[in-house]
C-alpha atoms as a PDB file:
ATOM      1  CA  MET A   1      84.320  99.114  81.277  1.00  0.00           C
ATOM      2  CA  LEU A   2      83.233 100.794  84.462  1.00  0.00           C
ATOM      3  CA  PRO A   3      79.482 100.256  84.852  1.00  0.00           C
ATOM      4  CA  ALA A   4      77.337 103.400  84.764  1.00  0.00           C
ATOM      5  CA  SER A   5      75.799 102.334  88.067  1.00  0.00           C
ATOM      6  CA  LEU A   6      79.224 102.358  89.764  1.00  0.00           C
ATOM      7  CA  ILE A   7      80.048 105.764  88.273  1.00  0.00           C
ATOM      8  CA  SER A   8      76.751 107.070  89.598  1.00  0.00           C
ATOM      9  CA  ARG A   9      77.394 105.627  93.080  1.00  0.00           C
ATOM     10  CA  ILE A  10      80.873 107.165  93.184  1.00  0.00           C
ATOM     11  CA  ARG A  11      79.527 110.528  92.018  1.00  0.00           C
ATOM     12  CA  THR A  12      76.737 110.478  94.615  1.00  0.00           C
ATOM     13  CA  ALA A  13      79.065 109.507  97.468  1.00  0.00           C
ATOM     14  CA  ALA A  14      82.168 111.536  96.674  1.00  0.00           C
ATOM     15  CA  ILE A  15      81.376 114.712  94.738  1.00  0.00           C
ATOM     16  CA  GLN A  16      80.710 117.791  96.835  1.00  0.00           C
ATOM     17  CA  ARG A  17      79.905 121.160  95.332  1.00  0.00           C
ATOM     18  CA  ASP A  18      80.906 124.243  97.286  1.00  0.00           C
ATOM     19  CA  GLU A  19      84.061 126.345  97.617  1.00  0.00           C
ATOM     20  CA  PHE A  20      87.118 124.336  98.656  1.00  0.00           C
ATOM     21  CA  MET A  21      90.721 125.409  99.084  1.00  0.00           C
ATOM     22  CA  LEU A  22      93.553 123.056  98.206  1.00  0.00           C
ATOM     23  CA  PRO A  23      96.866 123.053 100.106  1.00  0.00           C
ATOM     24  CA  SER A  24      98.304 124.967  97.131  1.00  0.00           C
ATOM     25  CA  GLY A  25      95.826 127.788  97.800  1.00  0.00           C
ATOM     26  CA  GLU A  26      93.855 127.019  94.647  1.00  0.00           C
ATOM     27  CA  LEU A  27      90.089 127.345  95.047  1.00  0.00           C
ATOM     28  CA  LEU A  28      87.751 124.702  93.653  1.00  0.00           C
ATOM     29  CA  ASP A  29      83.984 124.680  93.294  1.00  0.00           C
ATOM     30  CA  GLU A  30      83.882 120.885  93.297  1.00  0.00           C
ATOM     31  CA  TYR A  31      85.686 118.456  95.569  1.00  0.00           C
ATOM     32  CA  PHE A  32      86.206 114.701  95.345  1.00  0.00           C
ATOM     33  CA  ASP A  33      85.747 113.492  98.919  1.00  0.00           C
ATOM     34  CA  GLN A  34      87.398 110.094  98.939  1.00  0.00           C
ATOM     35  CA  TYR A  35      86.605 109.696 102.635  1.00  0.00           C
ATOM     36  CA  ALA A  36      82.901 109.547 101.831  1.00  0.00           C
ATOM     37  CA  LEU A  37      83.687 106.936  99.174  1.00  0.00           C
ATOM     38  CA  VAL A  38      85.774 104.699 101.445  1.00  0.00           C
ATOM     39  CA  ALA A  39      83.376 105.057 104.389  1.00  0.00           C
ATOM     40  CA  ASP A  40      80.852 102.958 102.450  1.00  0.00           C
ATOM     41  CA  PRO A  41      82.205  99.386 102.676  1.00  0.00           C
ATOM     42  CA  VAL A  42      80.170  98.105  99.723  1.00  0.00           C
ATOM     43  CA  LEU A  43      81.227 101.002  97.486  1.00  0.00           C
ATOM     44  CA  LEU A  44      84.852 100.634  98.610  1.00  0.00           C
ATOM     45  CA  ARG A  45      84.767  96.918  97.777  1.00  0.00           C
ATOM     46  CA  ASP A  46      83.278  97.627  94.338  1.00  0.00           C
ATOM     47  CA  VAL A  47      85.860 100.327  93.607  1.00  0.00           C
ATOM     48  CA  ALA A  48      88.646  97.958  94.707  1.00  0.00           C
ATOM     49  CA  ILE A  49      87.320  95.271  92.367  1.00  0.00           C
ATOM     50  CA  ALA A  50      87.227  97.801  89.509  1.00  0.00           C
ATOM     51  CA  LEU A  51      90.809  98.862  90.292  1.00  0.00           C
ATOM     52  CA  ALA A  52      91.875  95.195  90.458  1.00  0.00           C
ATOM     53  CA  ARG A  53      90.606  94.645  86.904  1.00  0.00           C
ATOM     54  CA  GLU A  54      92.900  97.425  85.684  1.00  0.00           C
ATOM     55  CA  LEU A  55      95.978  96.401  87.662  1.00  0.00           C
ATOM     56  CA  PRO A  56      99.051  95.823  85.473  1.00  0.00           C
ATOM     57  CA  ARG A  57     100.721  92.451  85.903  1.00  0.00           C
ATOM     58  CA  PRO A  58     103.045  91.219  87.165  1.00  0.00           C
ATOM     59  CA  ILE A  59     103.476  93.343  90.284  1.00  0.00           C
ATOM     60  CA  ASP A  60     104.693  92.544  93.762  1.00  0.00           C
ATOM     61  CA  ASN A  61     103.187  95.344  95.882  1.00  0.00           C
ATOM     62  CA  VAL A  62     100.612  98.071  95.820  1.00  0.00           C
ATOM     63  CA  VAL A  63     101.710 101.219  97.629  1.00  0.00           C
ATOM     64  CA  GLY A  64      99.093 103.497  99.138  1.00  0.00           C
ATOM     65  CA  ILE A  65      99.856 107.202  99.404  1.00  0.00           C
ATOM     66  CA  ALA A  66      98.911 108.676 102.768  1.00  0.00           C
ATOM     67  CA  LEU A  67      96.207 109.512 103.340  1.00  0.00           C
ATOM     68  CA  GLY A  68      93.911 109.258 100.328  1.00  0.00           C
ATOM     69  CA  GLY A  69      95.471 106.183  98.791  1.00  0.00           C
ATOM     70  CA  VAL A  70      95.783 104.093 101.959  1.00  0.00           C
ATOM     71  CA  PRO A  71      92.220 102.728 102.249  1.00  0.00           C
ATOM     72  CA  LEU A  72      92.092 102.169  98.497  1.00  0.00           C
ATOM     73  CA  ALA A  73      95.406 100.276  98.541  1.00  0.00           C
ATOM     74  CA  VAL A  74      94.296  98.146 101.501  1.00  0.00           C
ATOM     75  CA  ALA A  75      91.020  97.290  99.755  1.00  0.00           C
ATOM     76  CA  LEU A  76      92.884  96.545  96.508  1.00  0.00           C
ATOM     77  CA  SER A  77      95.286  94.302  98.413  1.00  0.00           C
ATOM     78  CA  ALA A  78      92.355  92.472 100.019  1.00  0.00           C
ATOM     79  CA  ALA A  79      90.677  92.030  96.618  1.00  0.00           C
ATOM     80  CA  THR A  80      93.816  90.690  94.903  1.00  0.00           C
ATOM     81  CA  GLY A  81      95.978  89.117  97.598  1.00  0.00           C
ATOM     82  CA  ILE A  82      98.864  91.401  96.573  1.00  0.00           C
ATOM     83  CA  ARG A  83     100.932  92.749  99.470  1.00  0.00           C
ATOM     84  CA  VAL A  84     100.534  96.407 100.431  1.00  0.00           C
ATOM     85  CA  SER A  85     102.995  99.069 101.567  1.00  0.00           C
ATOM     86  CA  PHE A  86     102.434 102.683 102.521  1.00  0.00           C
ATOM     87  CA  TYR A  87     104.110 105.947 101.538  1.00  0.00           C
ATOM     88  CA  ARG A  88     104.185 109.029 103.771  1.00  0.00           C
ATOM     89  CA  PRO A  89     105.013 112.466 102.331  1.00  0.00           C
ATOM     90  CA  ALA A  90     107.655 112.790 105.076  1.00  0.00           C
ATOM     91  CA  PRO A  91     109.289 110.237 107.343  1.00  0.00           C
ATOM     92  CA  LYS A  92     107.476 109.639 110.600  1.00  0.00           C
ATOM     93  CA  SER A  93     109.133 111.584 113.424  1.00  0.00           C
ATOM     94  CA  TYR A  94     108.623 108.817 116.001  1.00  0.00           C
ATOM     95  CA  GLY A  95     108.422 105.031 116.217  1.00  0.00           C
ATOM     96  CA  THR A  96     109.900 103.517 113.068  1.00  0.00           C
ATOM     97  CA  CYS A  97     110.776 106.953 111.616  1.00  0.00           C
ATOM     98  CA  ARG A  98     110.113 105.540 108.135  1.00  0.00           C
ATOM     99  CA  GLN A  99     108.678 107.112 105.039  1.00  0.00           C
ATOM    100  CA  LEU A 100     107.762 103.712 103.590  1.00  0.00           C
ATOM    101  CA  GLU A 101     105.874 101.377 105.911  1.00  0.00           C
ATOM    102  CA  ALA A 102     105.101  97.640 105.916  1.00  0.00           C
ATOM    103  CA  ASP A 103     106.832  95.498 103.290  1.00  0.00           C
ATOM    104  CA  SER A 104     110.229  96.365 101.871  1.00  0.00           C
ATOM    105  CA  VAL A 105     109.911  97.389  98.241  1.00  0.00           C
ATOM    106  CA  TYR A 106     113.534  96.682  97.343  1.00  0.00           C
ATOM    107  CA  GLY A 107     113.692  94.809  94.037  1.00  0.00           C
ATOM    108  CA  ARG A 108     109.914  94.811  93.676  1.00  0.00           C
ATOM    109  CA  ARG A 109     107.595  95.954  90.917  1.00  0.00           C
ATOM    110  CA  VAL A 110     105.035  98.253  92.515  1.00  0.00           C
ATOM    111  CA  VAL A 111     101.882 100.176  91.658  1.00  0.00           C
ATOM    112  CA  VAL A 112     101.256 103.450  93.477  1.00  0.00           C
ATOM    113  CA  VAL A 113      97.630 104.025  94.527  1.00  0.00           C
ATOM    114  CA  ASP A 114      96.032 107.403  95.248  1.00  0.00           C
ATOM    115  CA  ASP A 115      92.505 108.731  95.221  1.00  0.00           C
ATOM    116  CA  VAL A 116      92.924 111.663  92.817  1.00  0.00           C
ATOM    117  CA  VAL A 117      95.698 112.722  90.453  1.00  0.00           C
ATOM    118  CA  ARG A 118      95.845 116.379  89.485  1.00  0.00           C
ATOM    119  CA  SER A 119      99.304 117.618  88.472  1.00  0.00           C
ATOM    120  CA  GLY A 120     100.974 114.333  89.384  1.00  0.00           C
ATOM    121  CA  ALA A 121     103.423 116.029  91.773  1.00  0.00           C
ATOM    122  CA  GLN A 122     102.488 113.910  94.797  1.00  0.00           C
ATOM    123  CA  VAL A 123     102.693 110.562  93.002  1.00  0.00           C
ATOM    124  CA  LEU A 124     105.971 111.584  91.345  1.00  0.00           C
ATOM    125  CA  ARG A 125     107.476 112.392  94.772  1.00  0.00           C
ATOM    126  CA  ALA A 126     106.341 108.955  95.926  1.00  0.00           C
ATOM    127  CA  ALA A 127     107.847 107.357  92.800  1.00  0.00           C
ATOM    128  CA  ASP A 128     111.180 109.059  93.548  1.00  0.00           C
ATOM    129  CA  VAL A 129     111.223 107.742  97.128  1.00  0.00           C
ATOM    130  CA  LEU A 130     110.230 104.271  95.939  1.00  0.00           C
ATOM    131  CA  HIS A 131     112.961 104.319  93.281  1.00  0.00           C
ATOM    132  CA  GLU A 132     115.527 105.326  95.925  1.00  0.00           C
ATOM    133  CA  ALA A 133     114.296 102.359  97.999  1.00  0.00           C
ATOM    134  CA  GLY A 134     115.000 100.014  95.090  1.00  0.00           C
ATOM    135  CA  ALA A 135     111.488  99.597  93.656  1.00  0.00           C
ATOM    136  CA  THR A 136     110.364  99.789  90.061  1.00  0.00           C
ATOM    137  CA  VAL A 137     107.181 101.837  89.770  1.00  0.00           C
ATOM    138  CA  VAL A 138     105.160 100.122  87.056  1.00  0.00           C
ATOM    139  CA  ALA A 139     102.114 102.387  87.180  1.00  0.00           C
ATOM    140  CA  VAL A 140     100.033 104.783  89.216  1.00  0.00           C
ATOM    141  CA  MET A 141      96.368 103.991  89.772  1.00  0.00           C
ATOM    142  CA  CYS A 142      93.686 106.363  90.971  1.00  0.00           C
ATOM    143  CA  VAL A 143      89.949 106.668  91.119  1.00  0.00           C
ATOM    144  CA  LEU A 144      89.865 110.109  89.474  1.00  0.00           C
ATOM    145  CA  ASP A 145      92.304 111.665  87.006  1.00  0.00           C
ATOM    146  CA  ARG A 146      91.433 115.374  87.072  1.00  0.00           C
ATOM    147  CA  GLU A 147      93.205 115.744  83.695  1.00  0.00           C
ATOM    148  CA  LEU A 148      95.377 118.629  84.897  1.00  0.00           C
ATOM    149  CA  GLY A 149      98.698 117.405  83.501  1.00  0.00           C
ATOM    150  CA  GLY A 150      99.420 114.499  85.823  1.00  0.00           C
ATOM    151  CA  ARG A 151      99.136 111.813  83.158  1.00  0.00           C
ATOM    152  CA  GLU A 152     101.545 113.669  80.875  1.00  0.00           C
ATOM    153  CA  ARG A 153     104.081 114.272  83.656  1.00  0.00           C
ATOM    154  CA  LEU A 154     103.987 110.596  84.612  1.00  0.00           C
ATOM    155  CA  VAL A 155     104.370 109.444  80.995  1.00  0.00           C
ATOM    156  CA  ARG A 156     107.455 111.657  80.621  1.00  0.00           C
ATOM    157  CA  ARG A 157     108.920 109.690  83.536  1.00  0.00           C
ATOM    158  CA  GLY A 158     107.955 106.348  81.995  1.00  0.00           C
ATOM    159  CA  ILE A 159     105.076 105.705  84.407  1.00  0.00           C
ATOM    160  CA  GLU A 160     101.612 104.812  83.186  1.00  0.00           C
ATOM    161  CA  LEU A 161      98.522 106.324  84.849  1.00  0.00           C
ATOM    162  CA  ARG A 162      95.465 104.102  85.069  1.00  0.00           C
ATOM    163  CA  SER A 163      92.352 105.865  86.305  1.00  0.00           C
ATOM    164  CA  LEU A 164      88.799 104.680  86.756  1.00  0.00           C
ATOM    165  CA  LEU A 165      87.315 108.100  86.048  1.00  0.00           C
ATOM    166  CA  THR A 166      87.959 111.477  84.477  1.00  0.00           C
ATOM    167  CA  PRO A 167      85.781 114.576  84.954  1.00  0.00           C
ATOM    168  CA  PRO A 168      83.790 113.822  81.763  1.00  0.00           C
ATOM    169  CA  THR A 169      83.140 110.175  82.708  1.00  0.00           C
ATOM    170  CA  LEU A 170      82.274 111.180  86.267  1.00  0.00           C
ATOM    171  CA  GLU A 171      79.695 113.608  84.936  1.00  0.00           C
ATOM    172  CA  GLY A 172      78.399 111.131  82.362  1.00  0.00           C
ATOM    173  CA  ILE A 173      79.467 113.205  79.357  1.00  0.00           C
ATOM    174  CA  GLU A 174      81.574 110.448  77.806  1.00  0.00           C
ATOM    175  CA  PRO A 175      80.456 106.872  77.292  1.00  0.00           C
ATOM    176  CA  GLU A 176      81.791 104.345  79.789  1.00  0.00           C
ATOM    177  CA  ARG A 177      85.446 103.485  79.257  1.00  0.00           C
ATOM    178  CA  THR A 178      88.093 101.208  80.593  1.00  0.00           C
ATOM    179  CA  ALA A 179      90.848 102.670  82.712  1.00  0.00           C
ATOM    180  CA  SER A 180      93.912 103.849  80.870  1.00  0.00           C
END
């Protein structure tokens, strides 16, 4: 179970209320600011430990989605000793010109890490790229599942979503729960 004190700390650090526009053009009145969460090293460590408790086993790599999932994946890697790789939405246009950075994922069981899952489109694109690179995506993990269809889309593809929070748990409406 995620302690109420950790939920409260995440809510205080990361929830902003105002008008926010998503890249899709959708307007929100509440925003989950993962940068505020990861800027606090103690909170980041505690979130990484909570994610580590929910990590499926066995896995070979955690893969952070740029940009929101990268600091979470690095912290999760540090907490567990599991190697980390990084996914970019598009290949880098210079240097290595890769879409997947760090360790090769070929033949590996991986968990994709992102801050928030809404529709699941971003993590499914990452799963496709990882599959093409020879990885098996065991699960997706996030801090907040917005419950906007992402879990269902992932399940249809045979990928489990494990989240620390949902909107009701973040707001304290539901009792504490384990990630699922």
